[in-house]
N, C-alpha and C. Protein backbone atom coordinates (compact mmCIF):
# COMPACT_ATOMS: atom_id res chain seq x y z
N MET A 1 120.74 34.79 126.53
CA MET A 1 120.76 33.37 125.73
C MET A 1 119.04 33.94 124.82
N LYS A 2 119.13 33.57 123.35
CA LYS A 2 117.92 33.85 123.46
C LYS A 2 117.33 32.09 123.07
N LYS A 3 116.20 31.41 123.72
CA LYS A 3 115.39 30.55 123.62
C LYS A 3 115.13 30.11 121.89
N VAL A 4 115.21 29.17 121.59
CA VAL A 4 114.55 29.06 120.14
C VAL A 4 113.52 27.90 120.18
N HIS A 5 112.40 27.46 120.37
CA HIS A 5 111.59 26.82 120.03
C HIS A 5 111.44 26.08 119.01
N PRO A 6 111.44 24.55 118.86
CA PRO A 6 111.11 23.95 117.40
C PRO A 6 109.18 24.21 116.95
N VAL A 7 109.37 25.31 115.63
CA VAL A 7 108.25 24.60 115.04
C VAL A 7 107.51 23.83 114.34
N ILE A 8 106.28 23.74 114.61
CA ILE A 8 105.37 22.05 114.18
C ILE A 8 105.52 22.41 112.43
N ASN A 9 106.10 22.08 111.56
CA ASN A 9 105.28 21.95 110.41
C ASN A 9 104.07 21.23 110.01
N ARG A 10 103.28 22.38 109.48
CA ARG A 10 101.81 21.08 108.70
C ARG A 10 102.19 19.94 108.80
N GLN A 11 103.36 19.48 107.77
CA GLN A 11 102.92 18.00 107.37
C GLN A 11 102.96 17.24 108.95
N ASN A 12 103.77 18.19 109.70
CA ASN A 12 103.08 16.83 110.92
C ASN A 12 102.50 17.11 111.59
N ILE A 13 101.95 17.58 111.66
CA ILE A 13 100.02 17.67 112.41
C ILE A 13 99.48 17.04 111.44
N THR A 14 99.61 17.17 109.90
CA THR A 14 98.71 16.23 109.28
C THR A 14 98.47 14.92 109.92
N VAL A 15 99.82 13.84 109.64
CA VAL A 15 100.33 12.53 110.12
C VAL A 15 99.73 12.98 111.86
N GLN A 16 100.01 13.80 112.62
CA GLN A 16 99.20 13.80 114.10
C GLN A 16 97.59 13.17 114.36
N TYR A 17 97.11 13.89 113.21
CA TYR A 17 95.47 13.79 113.74
C TYR A 17 95.24 13.07 112.40
N ASN A 18 96.20 12.81 111.73
CA ASN A 18 95.25 11.41 110.02
C ASN A 18 95.91 10.25 110.43
N SER A 19 95.44 9.52 111.37
CA SER A 19 96.53 8.54 111.32
C SER A 19 95.88 7.37 111.43
N ASN A 20 94.55 7.71 111.09
CA ASN A 20 93.22 6.91 111.11
C ASN A 20 93.54 5.54 112.52
N GLY A 21 94.53 5.92 113.36
CA GLY A 21 94.03 4.63 114.50
C GLY A 21 94.12 3.52 114.06
N ARG A 22 95.10 3.01 112.61
CA ARG A 22 95.10 1.36 112.45
C ARG A 22 95.73 0.35 113.70
N ASN A 23 96.52 0.97 114.43
CA ASN A 23 96.91 0.02 115.95
C ASN A 23 97.17 1.45 116.79
N SER A 24 97.75 0.92 117.91
CA SER A 24 97.82 1.89 119.03
C SER A 24 99.71 1.94 118.16
N LEU A 25 100.23 0.80 117.90
CA LEU A 25 101.66 1.00 117.76
C LEU A 25 101.90 2.12 116.57
N SER A 26 101.39 2.22 115.37
CA SER A 26 101.18 2.69 114.15
C SER A 26 101.50 4.04 114.59
N ARG A 27 100.33 4.66 115.54
CA ARG A 27 99.41 5.81 115.39
C ARG A 27 101.23 6.40 116.91
N ALA A 28 101.41 5.26 117.69
CA ALA A 28 102.59 5.78 118.78
C ALA A 28 103.97 6.17 117.74
N ARG A 29 104.14 5.58 117.02
CA ARG A 29 105.38 5.93 116.05
C ARG A 29 104.84 7.31 115.03
N SER A 30 103.88 7.38 114.79
CA SER A 30 103.71 8.99 113.79
C SER A 30 103.56 9.69 114.80
N LEU A 31 103.08 10.01 115.61
CA LEU A 31 102.89 10.81 116.83
C LEU A 31 104.45 11.60 117.31
N LEU A 32 105.58 9.88 117.00
CA LEU A 32 106.55 10.58 117.71
C LEU A 32 107.59 11.07 116.44
N GLY A 33 106.86 10.71 115.62
CA GLY A 33 107.93 11.18 114.02
C GLY A 33 109.10 10.09 113.95
N LEU A 34 108.69 8.96 114.43
CA LEU A 34 109.77 8.02 113.78
C LEU A 34 108.87 6.97 112.76
N ASN A 35 109.98 7.19 111.51
CA ASN A 35 109.63 6.63 109.95
C ASN A 35 110.49 5.79 109.79
N PRO A 36 110.35 4.39 109.80
CA PRO A 36 111.27 3.32 109.60
C PRO A 36 112.12 3.37 107.76
N LYS A 37 111.58 4.31 107.32
CA LYS A 37 111.84 4.35 105.83
C LYS A 37 113.35 5.99 105.83
N LYS A 38 113.02 6.41 107.06
CA LYS A 38 114.22 7.66 107.08
C LYS A 38 115.00 7.56 107.88
N LEU A 39 115.46 6.35 108.81
CA LEU A 39 116.87 6.02 109.10
C LEU A 39 117.52 6.51 108.33
N ARG A 40 118.95 7.34 108.96
CA ARG A 40 119.91 6.91 108.38
C ARG A 40 121.23 6.64 109.23
N ARG A 41 122.34 7.11 108.90
CA ARG A 41 123.77 6.88 109.28
C ARG A 41 123.68 8.12 110.65
N LEU A 42 123.64 7.90 111.50
CA LEU A 42 124.16 9.38 112.22
C LEU A 42 125.21 10.02 112.27
N PRO A 43 125.13 11.33 111.78
CA PRO A 43 126.41 12.00 111.45
C PRO A 43 127.40 12.21 112.31
N HIS A 44 126.81 11.84 114.23
CA HIS A 44 127.46 12.59 115.32
C HIS A 44 128.73 10.99 115.68
N VAL A 45 128.24 9.84 114.91
CA VAL A 45 129.00 8.97 115.41
C VAL A 45 130.59 8.86 114.48
N PHE A 46 131.90 9.46 115.42
CA PHE A 46 132.80 9.22 114.61
C PHE A 46 133.88 7.75 115.35
N SER A 47 134.99 7.92 114.20
CA SER A 47 135.16 6.49 114.61
C SER A 47 137.09 6.73 115.08
N ARG A 48 137.04 7.66 115.93
CA ARG A 48 138.10 7.83 117.00
C ARG A 48 137.82 8.74 117.75
N VAL A 49 138.03 9.36 118.87
CA VAL A 49 137.05 9.91 120.33
C VAL A 49 137.78 9.91 120.99
N LEU A 50 138.37 10.92 121.61
CA LEU A 50 139.04 10.67 122.76
C LEU A 50 138.19 11.83 124.08
N GLU A 51 137.77 11.44 125.47
CA GLU A 51 137.19 11.61 126.35
C GLU A 51 138.09 12.04 127.83
N LEU A 52 137.91 13.28 127.91
CA LEU A 52 138.99 13.36 129.48
C LEU A 52 137.69 13.88 130.38
N PRO A 53 138.32 13.08 131.72
CA PRO A 53 137.48 13.50 133.00
C PRO A 53 136.09 14.49 133.33
N PHE A 54 136.70 15.47 132.55
CA PHE A 54 136.15 17.18 132.61
C PHE A 54 134.78 17.23 132.15
N ARG A 55 134.29 18.26 132.59
CA ARG A 55 132.91 18.73 132.02
C ARG A 55 133.07 18.98 130.78
N SER A 56 132.39 19.03 129.72
CA SER A 56 132.37 19.64 128.40
C SER A 56 132.77 21.07 128.14
N ASP A 57 132.81 22.33 129.01
CA ASP A 57 133.31 23.68 128.80
C ASP A 57 134.89 23.68 129.68
N ALA A 58 135.51 22.73 129.66
CA ALA A 58 136.79 22.75 130.88
C ALA A 58 137.84 23.24 129.73
N ASP A 59 138.53 24.19 129.80
CA ASP A 59 139.75 24.72 129.47
C ASP A 59 140.77 23.84 129.19
N VAL A 60 140.77 23.44 128.14
CA VAL A 60 141.66 22.02 127.41
C VAL A 60 142.89 22.48 126.08
N SER A 61 144.11 22.63 126.43
CA SER A 61 144.23 23.16 125.63
C SER A 61 145.15 22.37 124.56
N ILE A 62 145.06 22.31 123.11
CA ILE A 62 145.09 21.45 122.51
C ILE A 62 146.60 21.84 121.13
N VAL A 63 147.83 21.17 121.39
CA VAL A 63 148.98 21.41 120.74
C VAL A 63 148.36 20.14 119.44
N GLU A 64 149.01 20.42 118.43
CA GLU A 64 149.33 19.58 117.13
C GLU A 64 151.04 19.48 116.97
N ASN A 65 151.62 18.27 116.72
CA ASN A 65 153.12 18.65 116.06
C ASN A 65 153.09 17.43 115.11
N SER A 66 154.17 16.92 114.68
CA SER A 66 154.11 16.76 113.85
C SER A 66 154.67 15.07 114.07
N ASN A 67 154.01 14.63 115.27
CA ASN A 67 154.21 13.39 115.43
C ASN A 67 152.49 12.64 116.87
N CYS A 68 152.43 14.24 117.14
CA CYS A 68 151.36 13.73 118.47
C CYS A 68 150.61 14.36 118.47
N PHE A 69 149.48 14.89 118.95
CA PHE A 69 148.55 15.30 119.61
C PHE A 69 148.51 15.57 121.53
N ARG A 70 148.92 16.54 121.67
CA ARG A 70 149.00 16.46 123.35
C ARG A 70 148.16 17.97 123.73
N PHE A 71 147.05 17.15 124.58
CA PHE A 71 145.91 17.83 125.29
C PHE A 71 146.43 18.20 126.77
N VAL A 72 146.65 18.97 127.22
CA VAL A 72 146.74 19.32 128.77
C VAL A 72 145.45 20.13 128.91
N ALA A 73 145.38 20.18 130.80
CA ALA A 73 144.10 20.50 131.17
C ALA A 73 144.89 20.65 132.62
N GLU A 74 144.58 21.96 133.16
CA GLU A 74 144.64 21.91 134.56
C GLU A 74 143.70 20.65 135.41
N THR A 75 143.95 20.57 136.68
CA THR A 75 143.02 19.46 137.56
C THR A 75 143.23 20.11 138.96
N ASP A 76 142.28 20.41 139.36
CA ASP A 76 142.30 20.91 140.60
C ASP A 76 141.73 19.99 142.19
N GLY A 77 142.60 19.79 142.78
CA GLY A 77 141.59 18.96 143.79
C GLY A 77 141.68 17.02 143.26
N VAL A 78 142.57 16.92 141.90
CA VAL A 78 142.28 15.82 141.81
C VAL A 78 143.42 14.49 141.80
N SER A 79 142.69 13.53 141.99
CA SER A 79 144.56 12.32 142.08
C SER A 79 144.98 12.11 140.93
N GLU A 80 146.51 12.45 141.26
CA GLU A 80 147.31 11.55 140.45
C GLU A 80 147.51 11.13 139.46
N GLU A 81 146.78 9.89 139.96
CA GLU A 81 146.92 8.78 138.96
C GLU A 81 146.08 8.59 138.30
N PHE A 82 146.27 8.66 136.90
CA PHE A 82 145.30 8.41 135.28
C PHE A 82 145.77 7.89 134.81
N ARG A 83 145.12 7.24 133.62
CA ARG A 83 145.51 6.43 132.96
C ARG A 83 144.26 6.59 131.39
N ALA A 84 145.26 6.32 130.69
CA ALA A 84 144.01 6.44 129.23
C ALA A 84 143.71 4.89 128.90
N HIS A 85 142.35 4.65 128.44
CA HIS A 85 141.94 3.23 128.28
C HIS A 85 141.64 3.35 126.55
N THR A 86 141.95 2.68 126.28
CA THR A 86 141.27 2.36 124.81
C THR A 86 139.95 1.22 124.73
N VAL A 87 138.35 1.86 124.15
CA VAL A 87 137.51 1.36 124.65
C VAL A 87 137.06 1.22 122.96
N GLN A 88 136.71 -0.16 122.52
CA GLN A 88 136.49 -0.11 121.32
C GLN A 88 134.83 -0.67 121.68
N ILE A 89 134.26 0.03 121.13
CA ILE A 89 132.69 0.21 121.25
C ILE A 89 131.75 -0.59 120.38
N HIS A 90 132.31 -0.36 118.92
CA HIS A 90 131.67 -0.95 117.71
C HIS A 90 132.79 -1.72 116.88
N PRO A 91 133.15 -2.35 116.17
CA PRO A 91 134.28 -2.40 115.11
C PRO A 91 134.42 -1.20 114.34
N GLY A 92 135.60 -1.09 114.58
CA GLY A 92 135.76 0.22 113.74
C GLY A 92 135.43 1.13 114.64
N VAL A 93 135.02 1.64 115.64
CA VAL A 93 135.21 2.90 116.36
C VAL A 93 135.65 2.68 117.71
N ILE A 94 136.76 3.09 117.73
CA ILE A 94 137.26 3.47 118.98
C ILE A 94 137.31 4.91 119.41
N LYS A 95 137.52 4.45 121.04
CA LYS A 95 136.58 5.72 121.93
C LYS A 95 138.34 5.38 123.00
N VAL A 96 139.04 7.03 123.29
CA VAL A 96 140.20 6.27 124.60
C VAL A 96 139.54 7.55 125.57
N VAL A 97 138.97 7.09 126.74
CA VAL A 97 138.68 7.18 127.57
C VAL A 97 139.89 7.25 129.34
N VAL A 98 140.45 8.84 128.87
CA VAL A 98 141.14 8.96 130.57
C VAL A 98 140.67 9.05 131.62
N ARG A 99 140.63 7.86 132.33
CA ARG A 99 140.19 8.13 133.84
C ARG A 99 141.14 8.12 135.01
N GLN A 100 140.48 8.29 136.42
CA GLN A 100 141.53 8.37 137.64
C GLN A 100 141.94 6.18 137.43
N ILE A 101 142.73 5.99 138.19
CA ILE A 101 143.12 4.54 138.30
C ILE A 101 141.83 4.13 139.41
N GLY A 102 141.05 2.71 138.85
CA GLY A 102 139.94 2.42 140.01
C GLY A 102 138.77 3.02 139.53
N ASP A 103 138.55 4.11 138.70
CA ASP A 103 137.53 4.71 138.48
C ASP A 103 136.75 4.47 137.19
N LEU A 104 137.61 3.33 136.62
CA LEU A 104 136.90 3.37 135.02
C LEU A 104 135.61 2.73 134.82
N GLU A 105 135.67 1.19 135.92
CA GLU A 105 134.30 0.68 136.04
C GLU A 105 133.23 1.13 135.92
N SER A 106 133.42 2.02 137.22
CA SER A 106 131.77 2.26 137.21
C SER A 106 131.24 3.65 136.19
N THR A 107 132.81 3.94 135.85
CA THR A 107 132.52 5.24 134.72
C THR A 107 131.85 4.64 133.15
N LEU A 108 132.14 3.53 133.14
CA LEU A 108 132.13 2.78 131.88
C LEU A 108 130.42 2.17 131.28
N ASP A 109 130.11 1.91 132.62
CA ASP A 109 128.66 1.65 132.32
C ASP A 109 127.06 2.79 132.51
N GLU A 110 127.75 4.06 132.93
CA GLU A 110 126.85 5.32 133.25
C GLU A 110 127.07 5.79 131.63
N LEU A 111 125.90 6.54 131.65
CA LEU A 111 126.04 7.80 130.27
C LEU A 111 126.54 8.44 130.85
N GLU A 112 127.38 9.54 130.33
CA GLU A 112 127.73 10.66 131.19
C GLU A 112 127.65 11.50 129.72
N ILE A 113 126.73 12.61 129.58
CA ILE A 113 126.51 13.24 128.34
C ILE A 113 127.61 14.82 128.58
N ASP A 114 128.17 15.35 129.60
CA ASP A 114 128.74 16.42 129.89
C ASP A 114 130.02 16.15 129.56
N MET A 115 130.54 15.72 128.78
CA MET A 115 132.14 14.95 129.02
C MET A 115 132.48 15.89 128.17
N TRP A 116 134.08 16.57 128.38
CA TRP A 116 135.46 17.13 127.17
C TRP A 116 135.24 16.10 126.36
N ARG A 117 135.00 15.82 125.34
CA ARG A 117 135.20 15.03 123.98
C ARG A 117 136.04 15.73 123.09
N PHE A 118 136.87 14.62 122.28
CA PHE A 118 138.09 15.79 120.92
C PHE A 118 137.54 14.40 119.66
N ARG A 119 136.96 14.81 118.97
CA ARG A 119 137.41 13.96 117.32
C ARG A 119 138.50 14.02 117.06
N LEU A 120 139.09 12.82 117.12
CA LEU A 120 140.72 12.15 116.50
C LEU A 120 140.48 11.77 115.45
N PRO A 121 141.79 12.43 113.95
CA PRO A 121 141.86 12.59 113.20
C PRO A 121 142.15 10.68 113.09
N GLU A 122 142.09 10.35 111.52
CA GLU A 122 142.11 9.07 111.12
C GLU A 122 143.43 8.52 111.23
N THR A 123 144.58 9.77 111.12
CA THR A 123 146.11 9.23 110.84
C THR A 123 146.62 9.57 112.97
N THR A 124 146.05 9.70 113.86
CA THR A 124 146.00 9.00 115.35
C THR A 124 145.86 7.34 115.51
N LEU A 125 146.96 7.36 116.37
CA LEU A 125 147.00 5.74 116.99
C LEU A 125 146.47 6.02 118.23
N PRO A 126 145.12 5.65 118.78
CA PRO A 126 144.71 5.83 119.57
C PRO A 126 145.07 4.80 120.88
N GLU A 127 145.55 3.73 120.44
CA GLU A 127 145.65 2.21 121.35
C GLU A 127 147.13 2.69 122.16
N LEU A 128 148.04 4.15 121.68
CA LEU A 128 149.41 3.75 121.82
C LEU A 128 149.00 5.33 123.10
N ALA A 129 147.77 5.96 123.32
CA ALA A 129 147.36 7.09 123.86
C ALA A 129 148.23 7.20 125.27
N THR A 130 148.15 7.90 125.67
CA THR A 130 149.46 8.63 127.37
C THR A 130 148.48 9.07 128.32
N ALA A 131 148.99 8.75 129.39
CA ALA A 131 147.81 10.24 130.24
C ALA A 131 149.09 10.13 131.39
N VAL A 132 149.61 11.38 131.80
CA VAL A 132 150.68 11.66 132.72
C VAL A 132 150.22 13.09 133.54
N PHE A 133 150.11 12.68 134.76
CA PHE A 133 149.64 13.85 135.82
C PHE A 133 150.70 14.46 135.67
N ASP A 134 151.64 16.06 135.72
CA ASP A 134 152.62 16.73 136.05
C ASP A 134 152.28 18.10 136.28
N GLY A 135 152.97 18.56 137.28
CA GLY A 135 152.70 19.67 138.34
C GLY A 135 151.47 20.31 137.94
N GLY A 136 150.05 19.63 138.69
CA GLY A 136 148.71 19.83 138.78
C GLY A 136 148.30 20.21 137.15
N LYS A 137 148.90 19.41 136.20
CA LYS A 137 147.88 19.36 134.78
C LYS A 137 148.29 17.53 134.53
N LEU A 138 147.20 17.62 133.82
CA LEU A 138 146.70 16.07 133.00
C LEU A 138 147.36 15.99 131.46
N ILE A 139 148.04 16.00 131.26
CA ILE A 139 148.60 15.42 129.77
C ILE A 139 148.40 14.23 129.18
N VAL A 140 147.83 14.46 128.23
CA VAL A 140 147.09 13.22 127.17
C VAL A 140 147.96 13.19 126.45
N THR A 141 148.88 12.45 125.59
CA THR A 141 149.63 12.38 124.55
C THR A 141 148.77 10.84 123.37
N VAL A 142 148.54 11.42 121.82
CA VAL A 142 148.06 10.67 121.18
C VAL A 142 148.91 10.73 120.45
N PRO A 143 149.42 9.51 119.86
CA PRO A 143 150.56 9.67 118.80
C PRO A 143 149.84 9.65 117.58
N LYS A 144 150.48 9.73 116.23
CA LYS A 144 150.05 9.96 114.62
C LYS A 144 150.89 8.85 114.50
N ARG A 145 150.32 7.96 113.21
CA ARG A 145 151.37 7.44 112.27
C ARG A 145 152.22 8.03 111.75
N GLU A 146 153.17 7.06 111.61
CA GLU A 146 154.31 7.90 111.00
C GLU A 146 154.01 8.36 109.15
N ASP A 147 153.47 7.93 108.45
CA ASP A 147 152.49 8.59 107.30
C ASP A 147 151.64 9.46 107.74
N ALA A 148 151.33 10.26 108.53
CA ALA A 148 150.28 10.60 108.85
C ALA A 148 151.06 11.82 107.66
N GLY A 149 151.79 12.33 106.96
CA GLY A 149 151.51 14.06 106.29
C GLY A 149 151.67 14.92 106.80
N GLU A 150 151.14 15.92 106.29
CA GLU A 150 150.58 17.42 107.00
C GLU A 150 149.26 16.92 107.94
N GLY A 151 149.67 17.66 109.17
CA GLY A 151 148.56 17.19 110.45
C GLY A 151 147.40 18.62 109.58
N ALA A 152 146.82 18.92 110.54
CA ALA A 152 145.06 19.78 110.64
C ALA A 152 146.22 21.01 110.56
N CYS A 153 147.17 21.31 111.10
CA CYS A 153 147.88 22.83 111.70
C CYS A 153 148.89 23.33 110.47
N GLY A 154 148.63 22.26 109.30
CA GLY A 154 150.01 22.38 108.08
C GLY A 154 151.39 21.87 108.68
N GLY A 155 151.93 21.52 109.40
CA GLY A 155 152.83 20.62 109.90
C GLY A 155 153.02 19.79 109.21
N LYS A 156 154.24 19.83 108.75
CA LYS A 156 154.82 18.27 107.65
C LYS A 156 155.18 17.80 108.75
N ASN A 157 155.06 15.76 108.29
CA ASN A 157 155.33 14.98 109.34
C ASN A 157 156.61 14.79 108.68
N GLY A 158 157.74 14.89 109.75
CA GLY A 158 159.07 14.78 109.44
C GLY A 158 160.06 14.00 110.56
N GLY A 159 160.78 13.22 110.19
CA GLY A 159 161.90 12.06 111.13
C GLY A 159 162.36 10.88 109.48
N PHE A 160 162.70 9.85 110.56
CA PHE A 160 163.09 8.65 109.87
C PHE A 160 161.37 8.26 108.91
N ARG A 161 162.01 7.71 107.80
CA ARG A 161 160.75 7.44 106.57
C ARG A 161 161.78 6.38 106.03
N GLY A 162 160.57 5.15 106.23
CA GLY A 162 160.83 4.16 105.22
C GLY A 162 162.31 3.81 104.99
N GLY A 163 162.56 2.57 104.90
CA GLY A 163 164.00 2.03 104.63
C GLY A 163 164.48 1.08 105.91
N HIS A 164 165.63 0.71 106.00
CA HIS A 164 165.86 -0.05 107.06
C HIS A 164 166.55 0.48 108.12
N LEU A 165 166.84 0.07 109.12
CA LEU A 165 167.22 0.62 110.30
C LEU A 165 168.39 -0.30 110.69
N VAL A 166 169.75 0.40 110.62
CA VAL A 166 170.91 -0.38 111.01
C VAL A 166 171.38 0.20 112.32
N ILE A 167 171.51 -0.55 113.18
CA ILE A 167 172.27 -0.60 114.56
C ILE A 167 174.22 -1.04 114.30
N VAL A 168 175.17 0.21 114.56
CA VAL A 168 175.79 -0.47 114.11
C VAL A 168 176.32 -0.27 115.70
N GLN A 169 177.15 -1.09 116.71
CA GLN A 169 178.04 -0.72 117.84
C GLN A 169 179.49 -0.88 117.98
C-alpha cells in the first residue's frame, strides 16, 4: 500500500507566516486552518445509520427485498443475546445500534470509530429494526415503508396497497 502525504499549498504557507500576530487565538486559528467563513455542513452525516458490533472490515451479507433490508454476520464466541436500539442523535438523525444485552450503556458513552456501519435509505423504518441470533449468525432486519416503491436493487414493492382491510369470520 502506498502512503500519500498531504501537500501544503502556497496559500496555507502564506497564511501561516503572514498572520501579523494580532493575538494568539487568531494566530492559532490560522495555523490550524480554521476559518469560520468556510464552515459547511458535513457530508458524512446521514439521517439513518445502522451500526453493528463488529469491526469495519467484517464480512456482512446485505440482502434487500421488497419489504426490508436483512444483514447477516457470522459471530464467533459472542453472546447469543442481541438487541437493536434506536438512538436519536439529533432531530432527524437516527442511528440503529445493535449491541449485546447489557452492553449498550457502556458503548454509547464511548466514541468508537472502527465499527461496521451502513447508511440506510429514507425508505426504511429504523424504529422497527430487530436483531436475532440464529445458528452462530446475527441477523438484523430493518423494514421498509409500504410506499417504498422500487428498491436499490430494482425490485418492486409488492403486497397490499392502500384501501381498507376487512376481516370476515
